[in-house]
Amino acid sequence: MTKLEMAIYNSIKYTDTDHLKDLAIDGDTNLNFEIEVEEDVYYSPLMVASVVGCVPVLEILLTNPGIDLNYQDEETGCNSFWLASMYGKGGAMNLLASKGIDILNKHKETGKNALHVAI
């Protein structure tokens, strides 16, 4: 992970919106990299922000025109909306849905979508 990627990850993890803004998240900044959040589990910055559930952080990330809104975890096939649902982050789910994320995304193995997980 580069220094910039680590700084972005830490800003998301600790919901430091001021620092995240200072990192100049623009069209030239790649936000589609993977972060190892636990052993052999990799999420994109948008996925991490969805799990954290901080809407202001998500809003900053979503201003980047190159962000892949429907980025999926390679192993499970889950996207940020699915993860926000799993962690009970309704505000994140609402924002992601308003931006056009695939809300019917399903887990590869279980076939469950976000509604199944939320229940």
Protein backbone atom coordinates (compact mmCIF):
# COMPACT_ATOMS: atom_id res chain seq x y z
CA MET A 1 0.00 0.00 0.00
CA THR A 2 1.36 3.43 -0.93
CA LYS A 3 1.61 6.29 1.56
CA LEU A 4 -1.35 8.02 -0.09
CA GLU A 5 -3.45 4.85 0.07
CA MET A 6 -2.55 4.40 3.75
CA ALA A 7 -3.47 8.03 4.47
CA ILE A 8 -6.81 7.60 2.68
CA TYR A 9 -7.51 4.38 4.60
CA ASN A 10 -6.68 5.96 7.97
CA SER A 11 -8.82 9.01 7.19
CA ILE A 12 -11.76 6.73 6.42
CA LYS A 13 -11.20 4.42 9.38
CA TYR A 14 -11.00 7.30 11.85
CA THR A 15 -13.68 9.39 10.04
CA ASP A 16 -11.25 12.28 9.58
CA THR A 17 -13.12 14.23 6.90
CA ASP A 18 -10.79 17.24 7.06
CA HIS A 19 -7.74 15.11 6.33
CA LEU A 20 -9.57 13.19 3.63
CA LYS A 21 -10.45 16.48 1.89
CA ASP A 22 -6.82 17.62 2.19
CA LEU A 23 -5.69 14.53 0.30
CA ALA A 24 -7.20 16.11 -2.81
CA ILE A 25 -9.58 13.32 -3.71
CA ASP A 26 -10.11 14.21 -7.33
CA GLY A 27 -10.31 12.44 -10.67
CA ASP A 28 -6.58 11.73 -10.62
CA THR A 29 -6.70 9.89 -7.29
CA ASN A 30 -7.38 6.18 -7.65
CA LEU A 31 -9.92 5.06 -5.06
CA ASN A 32 -10.36 1.57 -6.47
CA PHE A 33 -7.45 -0.03 -4.65
CA GLU A 34 -7.76 -2.84 -2.12
CA ILE A 35 -7.11 -2.61 1.60
CA GLU A 36 -6.48 -5.71 3.71
CA VAL A 37 -8.94 -5.13 6.55
CA GLU A 38 -8.24 -8.49 8.17
CA GLU A 39 -6.25 -11.52 7.15
CA ASP A 40 -7.10 -12.35 3.53
CA VAL A 41 -10.08 -9.95 3.46
CA TYR A 42 -9.72 -7.01 1.08
CA TYR A 43 -12.08 -4.04 0.69
CA SER A 44 -12.02 -0.91 -1.44
CA PRO A 45 -12.02 2.48 0.34
CA LEU A 46 -15.74 2.85 -0.44
CA MET A 47 -16.40 -0.52 1.16
CA VAL A 48 -14.45 0.45 4.29
CA ALA A 49 -16.38 3.73 4.51
CA SER A 50 -19.66 1.81 4.13
CA VAL A 51 -18.76 -0.52 6.99
CA VAL A 52 -17.76 2.46 9.15
CA GLY A 53 -21.03 4.13 8.14
CA CYS A 54 -19.81 7.72 8.17
CA VAL A 55 -21.97 9.51 5.59
CA PRO A 56 -19.72 12.60 5.34
CA VAL A 57 -16.75 10.34 4.47
CA LEU A 58 -18.85 8.54 1.85
CA GLU A 59 -19.93 11.87 0.38
CA ILE A 60 -16.29 12.92 -0.04
CA LEU A 61 -15.33 9.62 -1.69
CA LEU A 62 -18.31 9.75 -4.02
CA THR A 63 -17.18 13.10 -5.41
CA ASN A 64 -14.33 11.25 -7.15
CA PRO A 65 -15.47 10.69 -10.74
CA GLY A 66 -13.33 7.56 -11.10
CA ILE A 67 -14.71 5.67 -8.12
CA ASP A 68 -16.26 2.30 -8.95
CA LEU A 69 -19.60 2.51 -7.16
CA ASN A 70 -20.33 -1.18 -7.75
CA TYR A 71 -16.87 -2.51 -6.86
CA GLN A 72 -17.31 -6.05 -5.53
CA ASP A 73 -15.28 -8.15 -3.15
CA GLU A 74 -13.67 -10.78 -5.36
CA GLU A 75 -14.34 -13.68 -3.00
CA THR A 76 -17.92 -12.94 -1.95
CA GLY A 77 -19.19 -10.73 -4.77
CA CYS A 78 -20.56 -8.24 -2.22
CA ASN A 79 -20.56 -4.50 -2.86
CA SER A 80 -20.57 -1.51 -0.49
CA PHE A 81 -24.37 -1.48 -0.18
CA TRP A 82 -24.41 -5.13 0.88
CA LEU A 83 -21.71 -4.46 3.49
CA ALA A 84 -23.50 -1.36 4.83
CA SER A 85 -26.60 -3.52 5.23
CA MET A 86 -24.67 -6.24 7.03
CA TYR A 87 -23.30 -3.71 9.53
CA GLY A 88 -26.62 -1.88 9.98
CA LYS A 89 -25.47 1.41 8.44
CA GLY A 90 -28.79 2.80 7.16
CA GLY A 91 -27.43 6.27 6.39
CA ALA A 92 -24.72 4.76 4.21
CA MET A 93 -27.27 2.52 2.49
CA ASN A 94 -29.51 5.49 1.74
CA LEU A 95 -26.67 7.55 0.25
CA LEU A 96 -25.32 4.68 -1.83
CA ALA A 97 -28.78 3.86 -3.14
CA SER A 98 -29.34 7.50 -4.10
CA LYS A 99 -26.11 7.39 -6.12
CA GLY A 100 -27.29 4.35 -8.09
CA ILE A 101 -25.43 1.43 -6.50
CA ASP A 102 -26.75 -2.05 -7.27
CA ILE A 103 -29.04 -2.63 -4.28
CA LEU A 104 -29.86 -6.16 -5.44
CA ASN A 105 -26.24 -7.31 -5.23
CA LYS A 106 -26.01 -10.90 -3.91
CA HIS A 107 -23.43 -12.88 -1.99
CA LYS A 108 -21.85 -15.43 -4.35
CA GLU A 109 -22.19 -18.41 -2.02
CA THR A 110 -25.39 -17.73 -0.09
CA GLY A 111 -27.33 -15.86 -2.78
CA LYS A 112 -28.54 -13.41 -0.12
CA ASN A 113 -29.01 -9.77 -1.06
CA ALA A 114 -28.93 -6.75 1.26
CA LEU A 115 -32.59 -7.17 2.23
CA HIS A 116 -31.97 -10.72 3.41
CA VAL A 117 -28.98 -9.54 5.42
CA ALA A 118 -30.85 -6.58 6.94
CA ILE A 119 -33.64 -8.85 8.18
